[in-house]
Amino acid sequence: MTTFVRRVAPFLGVAGLMLGFGLEQRVPPATGDMWFHLRLGEEFLNGWSIRHPGHLGRLDSADWVPTQWLSQVAMAWGADRGGPVAVVWATGVVLILLVLGTYVVCRDVAAPLPAAIAVTLGMFAASPGFSARPQVLSYVFLMATAAAWLRMARDGRPRYWLIPIAWAWPMCHGLWPVGLSVSVAAFAAVAIERNVPLSSRLRMGGVVAASFVVSGLTPIGLDAYATLFVAGSRREYFAEWGAPDFTSPATAVLAVMIIVVVAAGLRRRPVPWTEVAITTLAIAWSLYSLRTTVVGSLLLTPILAATLGRLAPASEPVRRHERLALLALAFASSMSIAMHLHDQPSRPVVPQWVDAQLDALPADTKVLNDWDSGSYFVYRHPDLSWAMHGYGDVFTDPEIRRNYDLRNLMAGWEAELRELDVDVALLDPDSPLGYVLEQVEGWDVQQSDSRFAIMFPPRST
């Protein structure tokens, strides 16, 4: 192969990935989850207790544990100083670092071309999770953890810096158990393979044990472990925790990655136990839920790079000049994103009349709203009590069920609406609930457009 194909083309490909994922970031619409993270971050900045956080209004009452409070505080701090666009830029920078770090991990086991191919496929498969949410930090921590264990399996040197990562992760995002699962699986593989001295294996075991301990030493304490059982009980209400759909483009690419890695592994003898462990874990997380297909994609990426690397000529490890070039590229990409966002016209998230009407409502007004757009309104109008939004932790199971029944007009929704006793509704007039309230129940529409209608309950006679 020519030098261009072996070295220049992969470098350009990685550059395109960095810039592309960064430039894709936009200030999200009203349905974007970024908004309620900003609201929660503001509450923590303004005095909420981390051990005993408050509620977002009168219509949510769960006893809940904050699983990403540190990220939310950082997001709110950034938004206070640079507006929501600053949070979007920071997200783009984190994604650039994720691409860069993943490529370096893949270069550790493969030449530039197979490494770039693996990163391209892996990033595309993981791309549904790339948005302005704390979860992007989980992806960086995940790749750091996987990279550390792949290195430890080869050189036998424990990476003690995994312990502070295990401590910080539960404060940044709720996917921290994934990191522990990687450590357990990889350590089991190292123990079975016995390619490193016993003393090194014992120290690695100490890293795993310490990671479990420090995960419970954050400000929320052992309650962090209690949150592991919350998401599973609510899977039917949140699509991202439902079963993965392998007919979508991203998950179809993930399926191809799995097939290639497994087929190559079955033909090769022997396969390193660490690769077997991480591959098995990646497949398990890929099948667990739609949300964790991103986890599976990222874990499989270095394994796919190693698989493809066996088909390409051997290459020397990443040299200093290559690292410097990649860092310069990452810096240039982050500056390009900043300029791109600066040049973007500032558009209102919702029509201005909607915010104006809501600003005129008395504080603590109870508002029946659409589930999807509740994220923005919880942030923009914190003095109102909103019935629905996507941050399910603050709702009890009956409250989530109530919202689900109302949105879908399930049996008994009328009684649940009467019990909710809202003062006003802000709904999509074409949604089932919006249509029925206006056309059947006789709610009075004060103002509306194609997206929103503000309506009041009919007066009792």
Protein backbone atom coordinates (compact mmCIF):
# COMPACT_ATOMS: atom_id res chain seq x y z
CA MET A 1 0.00 0.00 0.00
CA THR A 2 1.10 3.53 -0.65
CA THR A 3 2.13 5.86 2.15
CA PHE A 4 -0.98 7.95 1.53
CA VAL A 5 -3.33 4.99 2.09
CA ARG A 6 -1.40 3.67 5.09
CA ARG A 7 -0.79 6.94 6.95
CA VAL A 8 -2.28 10.08 5.42
CA ALA A 9 -5.78 8.77 4.66
CA PRO A 10 -6.32 7.41 8.21
CA PHE A 11 -5.17 10.71 9.69
CA LEU A 12 -7.58 12.64 7.45
CA GLY A 13 -10.35 10.22 8.36
CA VAL A 14 -9.85 10.79 12.08
CA ALA A 15 -9.75 14.54 11.43
CA GLY A 16 -13.07 14.30 9.63
CA LEU A 17 -14.61 12.37 12.53
CA MET A 18 -13.45 14.92 15.08
CA LEU A 19 -14.71 17.87 13.10
CA GLY A 20 -17.89 16.15 11.96
CA PHE A 21 -19.14 15.07 15.38
CA GLY A 22 -18.21 18.44 16.81
CA LEU A 23 -19.97 20.47 14.11
CA GLU A 24 -23.09 18.33 14.47
CA GLN A 25 -23.70 19.81 17.90
CA ARG A 26 -26.46 22.40 18.06
CA VAL A 27 -28.43 24.10 20.79
CA PRO A 28 -31.13 21.43 21.17
CA PRO A 29 -34.84 21.93 20.59
CA ALA A 30 -37.37 21.89 23.43
CA THR A 31 -37.23 18.09 23.43
CA GLY A 32 -33.48 18.00 24.20
CA ASP A 33 -32.52 16.54 27.58
CA MET A 34 -29.83 19.17 28.05
CA TRP A 35 -32.43 21.57 29.42
CA PHE A 36 -33.47 19.64 32.50
CA HIS A 37 -29.81 18.92 33.29
CA LEU A 38 -29.23 22.68 33.31
CA ARG A 39 -32.21 23.18 35.62
CA LEU A 40 -30.97 20.54 38.05
CA GLY A 41 -27.46 21.98 37.95
CA GLU A 42 -28.83 25.41 38.83
CA GLU A 43 -30.74 23.94 41.77
CA PHE A 44 -27.58 22.32 43.12
CA LEU A 45 -25.65 25.57 42.64
CA ASN A 46 -28.40 27.43 44.50
CA GLY A 47 -28.45 25.27 47.59
CA TRP A 48 -29.96 21.87 46.96
CA SER A 49 -28.46 19.16 49.17
CA ILE A 50 -26.71 16.39 47.25
CA ARG A 51 -27.80 13.78 49.80
CA HIS A 52 -31.37 15.12 49.99
CA PRO A 53 -32.23 17.00 46.78
CA GLY A 54 -35.51 18.79 46.35
CA HIS A 55 -38.24 18.60 43.71
CA LEU A 56 -38.87 20.45 40.47
CA GLY A 57 -42.48 21.28 41.34
CA ARG A 58 -45.62 20.07 43.07
CA LEU A 59 -46.21 17.26 40.58
CA ASP A 60 -43.10 15.16 41.29
CA SER A 61 -42.47 13.72 44.75
CA ALA A 62 -39.99 10.85 44.57
CA ASP A 63 -37.23 10.31 47.11
CA TRP A 64 -34.41 10.26 44.60
CA VAL A 65 -30.63 10.03 44.42
CA PRO A 66 -28.72 12.35 42.05
CA THR A 67 -26.48 10.25 39.81
CA GLN A 68 -24.94 13.02 37.70
CA TRP A 69 -24.97 16.06 39.93
CA LEU A 70 -21.34 17.04 39.29
CA SER A 71 -21.86 17.11 35.51
CA GLN A 72 -25.07 19.05 35.95
CA VAL A 73 -23.37 21.63 38.15
CA ALA A 74 -20.60 22.02 35.56
CA MET A 75 -23.18 22.39 32.76
CA ALA A 76 -25.15 25.01 34.71
CA TRP A 77 -21.96 26.88 35.59
CA GLY A 78 -20.96 26.98 31.93
CA ALA A 79 -24.43 28.06 30.81
CA ASP A 80 -24.45 30.87 33.40
CA ARG A 81 -21.27 32.27 31.88
CA GLY A 82 -21.59 31.51 28.18
CA GLY A 83 -25.21 30.54 27.66
CA PRO A 84 -26.45 27.14 26.46
CA VAL A 85 -24.11 27.43 23.46
CA ALA A 86 -21.15 27.07 25.86
CA VAL A 87 -22.51 23.67 26.97
CA VAL A 88 -22.91 22.63 23.34
CA TRP A 89 -19.31 23.65 22.60
CA ALA A 90 -18.06 21.71 25.64
CA THR A 91 -19.96 18.66 24.40
CA GLY A 92 -18.25 18.95 21.04
CA VAL A 93 -14.85 19.14 22.74
CA VAL A 94 -15.59 16.02 24.80
CA LEU A 95 -16.59 14.16 21.64
CA ILE A 96 -13.36 15.26 19.95
CA LEU A 97 -11.42 13.87 22.91
CA LEU A 98 -13.43 10.66 22.70
CA VAL A 99 -12.54 10.19 19.02
CA LEU A 100 -8.92 11.07 19.69
CA GLY A 101 -8.62 8.76 22.69
CA THR A 102 -10.34 5.87 20.91
CA TYR A 103 -8.03 6.21 17.93
CA VAL A 104 -4.96 6.18 20.20
CA VAL A 105 -6.28 3.03 21.91
CA CYS A 106 -6.83 1.41 18.52
CA ARG A 107 -3.39 2.47 17.30
CA ASP A 108 -1.99 0.62 20.27
CA VAL A 109 -3.13 -2.64 18.69
CA ALA A 110 -3.23 -1.89 14.95
CA ALA A 111 -1.70 0.12 12.12
CA PRO A 112 -3.23 3.52 11.23
CA LEU A 113 -5.55 2.24 8.48
CA PRO A 114 -7.32 -0.56 10.41
CA ALA A 115 -7.39 1.67 13.48
CA ALA A 116 -9.11 4.46 11.54
CA ILE A 117 -11.61 2.03 10.00
CA ALA A 118 -12.48 0.60 13.42
CA VAL A 119 -12.87 4.06 14.95
CA THR A 120 -15.10 5.20 12.08
CA LEU A 121 -17.40 2.20 12.45
CA GLY A 122 -17.39 2.34 16.24
CA MET A 123 -18.14 6.06 16.40
CA PHE A 124 -20.97 5.75 13.89
CA ALA A 125 -22.49 2.88 15.86
CA ALA A 126 -22.21 4.90 19.07
CA SER A 127 -23.38 8.21 17.55
CA PRO A 128 -27.02 8.05 18.80
CA GLY A 129 -25.61 8.76 22.27
CA PHE A 130 -23.64 11.84 21.24
CA SER A 131 -25.64 14.77 22.59
CA ALA A 132 -25.30 17.51 25.20
CA ARG A 133 -25.85 15.23 28.18
CA PRO A 134 -23.59 14.02 31.00
CA GLN A 135 -23.43 10.58 29.40
CA VAL A 136 -20.68 11.75 27.02
CA LEU A 137 -18.33 11.80 30.02
CA SER A 138 -19.23 8.16 30.68
CA TYR A 139 -18.03 7.28 27.19
CA VAL A 140 -14.64 8.91 27.83
CA PHE A 141 -14.30 7.12 31.18
CA LEU A 142 -15.33 3.85 29.53
CA MET A 143 -12.66 4.06 26.84
CA ALA A 144 -10.03 4.99 29.44
CA THR A 145 -11.00 1.94 31.52
CA ALA A 146 -11.00 -0.44 28.55
CA ALA A 147 -7.65 0.93 27.33
CA ALA A 148 -6.11 0.51 30.77
CA TRP A 149 -7.11 -3.14 31.03
CA LEU A 150 -5.98 -3.97 27.50
CA ARG A 151 -2.59 -2.49 28.39
CA MET A 152 -2.46 -4.23 31.77
CA ALA A 153 -3.12 -7.57 30.14
CA ARG A 154 -0.06 -7.03 27.96
CA ASP A 155 2.48 -5.44 30.31
CA GLY A 156 1.26 -6.57 33.74
CA ARG A 157 1.49 -3.09 35.28
CA PRO A 158 -1.54 -2.03 37.37
CA ARG A 159 -3.08 1.32 36.44
CA TYR A 160 -3.88 2.84 39.81
CA TRP A 161 -5.41 5.91 38.18
CA LEU A 162 -8.47 3.77 37.53
CA ILE A 163 -9.33 4.21 41.22
CA PRO A 164 -9.92 7.99 41.06
CA ILE A 165 -11.91 7.45 37.85
CA ALA A 166 -14.10 4.97 39.72
CA TRP A 167 -14.60 7.60 42.44
CA ALA A 168 -15.45 10.47 40.08
CA TRP A 169 -17.65 8.53 37.66
CA PRO A 170 -20.70 8.02 40.00
CA MET A 171 -20.85 11.80 40.48
CA CYS A 172 -20.79 12.45 36.72
CA HIS A 173 -23.21 9.93 35.24
CA GLY A 174 -25.20 6.83 36.04
CA LEU A 175 -23.36 4.49 33.67
CA TRP A 176 -20.52 4.07 36.19
CA PRO A 177 -21.40 0.37 36.85
CA VAL A 178 -20.35 -0.32 33.25
CA GLY A 179 -16.79 0.64 34.20
CA LEU A 180 -16.85 -1.77 37.12
CA SER A 181 -18.15 -4.52 34.85
CA VAL A 182 -15.21 -3.95 32.48
CA SER A 183 -12.72 -4.13 35.36
CA VAL A 184 -14.26 -7.34 36.74
CA ALA A 185 -14.42 -9.06 33.35
CA ALA A 186 -10.90 -8.03 32.31
CA PHE A 187 -9.40 -8.96 35.68
CA ALA A 188 -11.07 -12.39 35.49
CA ALA A 189 -9.52 -12.84 32.04
CA VAL A 190 -6.06 -11.84 33.29
CA ALA A 191 -6.42 -14.23 36.23
CA ILE A 192 -7.42 -17.12 33.94
CA GLU A 193 -4.71 -16.43 31.38
CA ARG A 194 -1.91 -16.08 33.98
CA ASN A 195 0.41 -14.27 31.59
CA VAL A 196 1.46 -11.80 34.27
CA PRO A 197 3.17 -12.53 37.61
CA LEU A 198 1.02 -13.37 40.62
CA SER A 199 2.13 -10.22 42.43
CA SER A 200 0.89 -8.10 39.52
CA ARG A 201 -2.40 -9.98 39.40
CA LEU A 202 -2.90 -9.34 43.10
CA ARG A 203 -2.29 -5.63 42.64
CA MET A 204 -4.73 -5.59 39.73
CA GLY A 205 -7.27 -7.28 41.97
CA GLY A 206 -6.62 -4.54 44.48
CA VAL A 207 -7.45 -1.94 41.83
CA VAL A 208 -10.79 -3.69 41.17
CA ALA A 209 -11.64 -3.97 44.87
CA ALA A 210 -10.66 -0.36 45.53
CA SER A 211 -12.82 0.77 42.58
CA PHE A 212 -15.88 -0.84 44.17
CA VAL A 213 -15.10 0.77 47.51
CA VAL A 214 -14.46 4.32 46.29
CA SER A 215 -17.62 4.25 44.15
CA GLY A 216 -19.50 4.29 47.44
CA LEU A 217 -17.41 7.07 48.98
CA THR A 218 -18.87 9.98 47.04
CA PRO A 219 -21.21 12.54 48.66
CA ILE A 220 -24.21 10.26 47.96
CA GLY A 221 -22.50 7.35 49.69
CA LEU A 222 -23.79 3.81 49.30
CA ASP A 223 -27.04 5.14 47.82
CA ALA A 224 -25.12 5.04 44.53
CA TYR A 225 -25.56 1.28 44.53
CA ALA A 226 -29.29 1.58 45.22
CA THR A 227 -29.75 3.45 41.93
CA LEU A 228 -28.73 0.34 39.97
CA PHE A 229 -32.24 -1.06 40.31
CA VAL A 230 -34.24 2.05 39.37
CA ALA A 231 -33.84 2.16 35.57
CA GLY A 232 -34.77 -1.48 35.07
CA SER A 233 -38.14 -1.02 36.77
CA ARG A 234 -39.11 1.77 34.34
CA ARG A 235 -37.95 0.35 31.02
CA GLU A 236 -41.45 0.31 29.52
CA TYR A 237 -41.78 4.09 29.87
CA PHE A 238 -38.42 5.19 28.42
CA ALA A 239 -37.54 4.11 24.89
CA GLU A 240 -33.77 4.33 25.45
CA TRP A 241 -34.00 1.61 28.10
CA GLY A 242 -36.05 -0.63 25.80
CA ALA A 243 -34.78 -3.40 23.57
CA PRO A 244 -32.30 -2.38 20.83
CA ASP A 245 -33.53 -2.14 17.26
CA PHE A 246 -30.92 -3.73 15.01
CA THR A 247 -32.65 -2.47 11.87
CA SER A 248 -31.55 1.13 12.49
CA PRO A 249 -28.34 2.22 10.71
CA ALA A 250 -26.25 2.65 13.88
CA THR A 251 -27.22 -0.65 15.49
CA ALA A 252 -26.89 -2.43 12.12
CA VAL A 253 -23.25 -1.29 12.02
CA LEU A 254 -22.86 -2.56 15.59
CA ALA A 255 -24.23 -5.93 14.48
CA VAL A 256 -21.65 -6.04 11.67
CA MET A 257 -18.89 -5.24 14.17
CA ILE A 258 -20.03 -8.11 16.40
CA ILE A 259 -20.16 -10.55 13.48
CA VAL A 260 -16.68 -9.61 12.24
CA VAL A 261 -15.07 -9.85 15.69
CA VAL A 262 -16.77 -13.14 16.62
CA ALA A 263 -16.15 -14.76 13.23
CA ALA A 264 -12.49 -13.77 13.27
CA GLY A 265 -12.14 -15.01 16.85
CA LEU A 266 -13.63 -18.41 15.99
CA ARG A 267 -11.07 -18.82 13.19
CA ARG A 268 -8.10 -17.73 15.27
CA ARG A 269 -6.32 -19.74 17.94
CA PRO A 270 -5.58 -18.73 20.59
CA VAL A 271 -7.61 -15.59 21.28
CA PRO A 272 -6.37 -13.54 24.26
CA TRP A 273 -8.71 -13.99 27.20
CA THR A 274 -8.94 -10.24 27.70
CA GLU A 275 -10.30 -9.80 24.18
CA VAL A 276 -12.77 -12.62 24.80
CA ALA A 277 -13.94 -11.02 28.05
CA ILE A 278 -14.38 -7.53 26.61
CA THR A 279 -16.08 -8.86 23.48
CA THR A 280 -18.51 -10.93 25.56
CA LEU A 281 -19.23 -7.96 27.79
CA ALA A 282 -19.72 -5.68 24.77
CA ILE A 283 -22.26 -8.08 23.26
CA ALA A 284 -24.09 -8.36 26.59
CA TRP A 285 -24.38 -4.57 26.95
CA SER A 286 -25.39 -4.28 23.27
CA LEU A 287 -28.32 -6.63 23.87
CA TYR A 288 -29.33 -5.15 27.24
CA SER A 289 -30.97 -1.95 26.00
CA LEU A 290 -31.00 0.63 23.25
CA ARG A 291 -29.06 3.04 25.46
CA THR A 292 -26.24 0.58 26.16
CA THR A 293 -25.66 -0.22 22.49
CA VAL A 294 -23.34 2.79 22.70
CA VAL A 295 -21.38 0.97 25.42
CA GLY A 296 -21.15 -2.14 23.27
CA SER A 297 -20.00 -0.13 20.25
CA LEU A 298 -17.19 1.60 22.15
CA LEU A 299 -15.97 -1.58 23.85
CA LEU A 300 -15.89 -3.43 20.53
CA THR A 301 -13.96 -0.72 18.70
CA PRO A 302 -10.41 -1.59 19.93
CA ILE A 303 -11.20 -5.30 19.57
CA LEU A 304 -12.28 -4.68 15.97
CA ALA A 305 -9.10 -2.67 15.38
CA ALA A 306 -6.99 -5.57 16.64
CA THR A 307 -8.96 -7.96 14.42
CA LEU A 308 -8.50 -5.81 11.32
CA GLY A 309 -4.91 -5.10 12.29
CA ARG A 310 -4.00 -8.75 11.83
CA LEU A 311 -4.85 -8.34 8.14
CA ALA A 312 -2.60 -5.29 7.65
CA PRO A 313 1.18 -4.92 7.77
CA ALA A 314 2.61 -4.47 11.25
CA SER A 315 3.10 -0.88 12.35
CA GLU A 316 5.14 0.79 15.04
CA PRO A 317 3.32 2.22 18.07
CA VAL A 318 2.08 5.79 18.15
CA ARG A 319 5.13 8.04 18.13
CA ARG A 320 5.53 11.44 19.73
CA HIS A 321 5.15 13.34 16.46
CA GLU A 322 1.90 11.50 15.73
CA ARG A 323 0.52 12.31 19.19
CA LEU A 324 1.43 15.97 18.77
CA ALA A 325 -0.22 16.08 15.35
CA LEU A 326 -3.39 14.52 16.76
CA LEU A 327 -3.48 16.98 19.67
CA ALA A 328 -3.02 19.89 17.26
CA LEU A 329 -5.84 18.51 15.16
CA ALA A 330 -8.10 18.21 18.23
CA PHE A 331 -7.34 21.81 19.21
CA ALA A 332 -8.05 23.07 15.70
CA SER A 333 -11.32 21.14 15.62
CA SER A 334 -12.45 22.60 18.95
CA MET A 335 -11.71 26.12 17.72
CA SER A 336 -13.61 25.41 14.49
CA ILE A 337 -16.64 24.34 16.53
CA ALA A 338 -16.44 27.54 18.59
CA MET A 339 -16.39 29.69 15.45
CA HIS A 340 -19.17 27.65 13.88
CA LEU A 341 -21.43 28.05 16.91
CA HIS A 342 -20.60 31.75 17.16
CA ASP A 343 -21.73 32.25 13.56
CA GLN A 344 -24.98 30.33 14.05
CA PRO A 345 -28.03 32.61 14.29
CA SER A 346 -29.69 32.66 17.69
CA ARG A 347 -33.19 31.24 17.35
CA PRO A 348 -35.80 30.92 20.10
CA VAL A 349 -36.25 27.35 21.28
CA VAL A 350 -40.03 27.76 21.22
CA PRO A 351 -42.20 30.52 19.74
CA GLN A 352 -41.81 33.71 21.74
CA TRP A 353 -45.52 33.92 22.51
CA VAL A 354 -45.32 30.62 24.40
CA ASP A 355 -42.67 31.88 26.81
CA ALA A 356 -44.52 35.19 27.17
CA GLN A 357 -47.79 33.47 28.11
CA LEU A 358 -46.02 31.22 30.60
CA ASP A 359 -44.15 34.17 32.13
CA ALA A 360 -47.54 35.75 32.88
CA LEU A 361 -48.77 32.77 34.92
CA PRO A 362 -48.63 32.96 38.72
CA ALA A 363 -45.78 31.12 40.45
CA ASP A 364 -46.42 27.46 41.25
CA THR A 365 -49.13 27.14 38.60
CA LYS A 366 -49.67 23.46 37.79
CA VAL A 367 -49.22 22.87 34.05
CA LEU A 368 -50.22 19.80 32.07
CA ASN A 369 -47.69 19.50 29.26
CA ASP A 370 -46.29 17.11 26.66
CA TRP A 371 -43.69 14.67 27.97
CA ASP A 372 -41.12 15.37 25.26
CA SER A 373 -41.00 19.17 25.46
CA GLY A 374 -41.13 19.29 29.26
CA SER A 375 -37.33 19.35 29.42
CA TYR A 376 -37.10 22.91 28.11
CA PHE A 377 -40.01 24.30 30.09
CA VAL A 378 -38.71 22.89 33.38
CA TYR A 379 -35.52 24.87 32.70
CA ARG A 380 -36.99 28.06 31.25
CA HIS A 381 -39.90 28.37 33.69
CA PRO A 382 -38.67 26.96 37.01
CA ASP A 383 -41.37 28.74 39.02
CA LEU A 384 -44.13 26.61 37.45
CA SER A 385 -45.00 23.00 38.35
CA TRP A 386 -44.77 20.78 35.28
CA ALA A 387 -46.56 17.46 35.01
CA MET A 388 -44.15 15.71 32.65
CA HIS A 389 -40.54 15.66 31.52
CA GLY A 390 -37.90 13.06 30.78
CA TYR A 391 -35.93 13.10 34.05
CA GLY A 392 -37.72 10.11 35.50
CA ASP A 393 -35.70 9.93 38.74
CA VAL A 394 -37.71 12.71 40.38
CA PHE A 395 -41.03 10.93 39.80
CA THR A 396 -42.41 8.01 41.76
CA ASP A 397 -43.45 4.94 39.78
CA PRO A 398 -47.18 5.86 40.09
CA GLU A 399 -46.41 9.38 38.86
CA ILE A 400 -44.56 8.04 35.82
CA ARG A 401 -47.46 5.67 35.17
CA ARG A 402 -49.86 8.61 35.48
CA ASN A 403 -47.92 10.59 32.88
CA TYR A 404 -47.77 7.59 30.57
CA ASP A 405 -51.54 7.05 30.89
CA LEU A 406 -52.30 10.71 30.18
CA ARG A 407 -50.01 10.93 27.18
CA ASN A 408 -51.43 7.77 25.63
CA LEU A 409 -55.05 8.16 26.80
CA MET A 410 -54.93 4.85 28.60
CA ALA A 411 -57.93 3.54 30.51
CA GLY A 412 -58.66 5.74 33.53
CA TRP A 413 -56.83 8.81 32.23
CA GLU A 414 -59.81 11.07 32.93
CA ALA A 415 -59.75 10.21 36.63
CA GLU A 416 -55.98 10.73 36.77
CA LEU A 417 -56.39 14.14 35.13
CA ARG A 418 -59.04 15.16 37.66
CA GLU A 419 -56.77 14.05 40.50
CA LEU A 420 -53.88 16.02 39.01
CA ASP A 421 -56.06 19.15 39.15
CA VAL A 422 -53.92 21.24 36.80
CA ASP A 423 -54.51 24.96 36.27
CA VAL A 424 -53.56 25.14 32.62
CA ALA A 425 -52.36 22.92 29.77
CA LEU A 426 -49.61 23.50 27.21
CA LEU A 427 -49.92 20.75 24.63
CA ASP A 428 -49.39 19.94 20.98
CA PRO A 429 -52.89 20.49 19.57
CA ASP A 430 -52.42 17.49 17.27
CA SER A 431 -51.36 15.11 20.01
CA PRO A 432 -54.00 12.64 21.25
CA LEU A 433 -54.27 14.37 24.62
CA GLY A 434 -54.29 17.88 23.14
CA TYR A 435 -56.94 16.97 20.58
CA VAL A 436 -59.23 15.29 23.09
CA LEU A 437 -59.01 18.11 25.64
CA GLU A 438 -59.88 20.72 23.02
CA GLN A 439 -62.37 18.89 20.82
CA VAL A 440 -64.04 16.52 23.28
CA GLU A 441 -63.52 17.83 26.80
CA GLY A 442 -64.17 21.44 25.85
CA TRP A 443 -61.00 23.05 27.20
CA ASP A 444 -60.71 26.73 26.26
CA VAL A 445 -57.79 27.45 23.89
CA GLN A 446 -56.28 30.84 24.68
CA GLN A 447 -53.61 30.82 21.95
CA SER A 448 -52.18 28.18 19.64
CA ASP A 449 -50.10 27.39 16.59
CA SER A 450 -49.13 24.16 14.87
CA ARG A 451 -46.88 23.09 17.77
CA PHE A 452 -48.35 24.44 20.98
CA ALA A 453 -51.74 25.32 22.41
CA ILE A 454 -52.32 26.99 25.76
CA MET A 455 -55.71 25.97 27.11
CA PHE A 456 -57.64 26.21 30.33
CA PRO A 457 -60.07 23.72 31.88
CA PRO A 458 -63.74 24.37 31.22
CA ARG A 459 -65.41 26.42 33.92
CA SER A 460 -67.70 24.45 36.24
CA THR A 461 -71.34 25.35 35.95
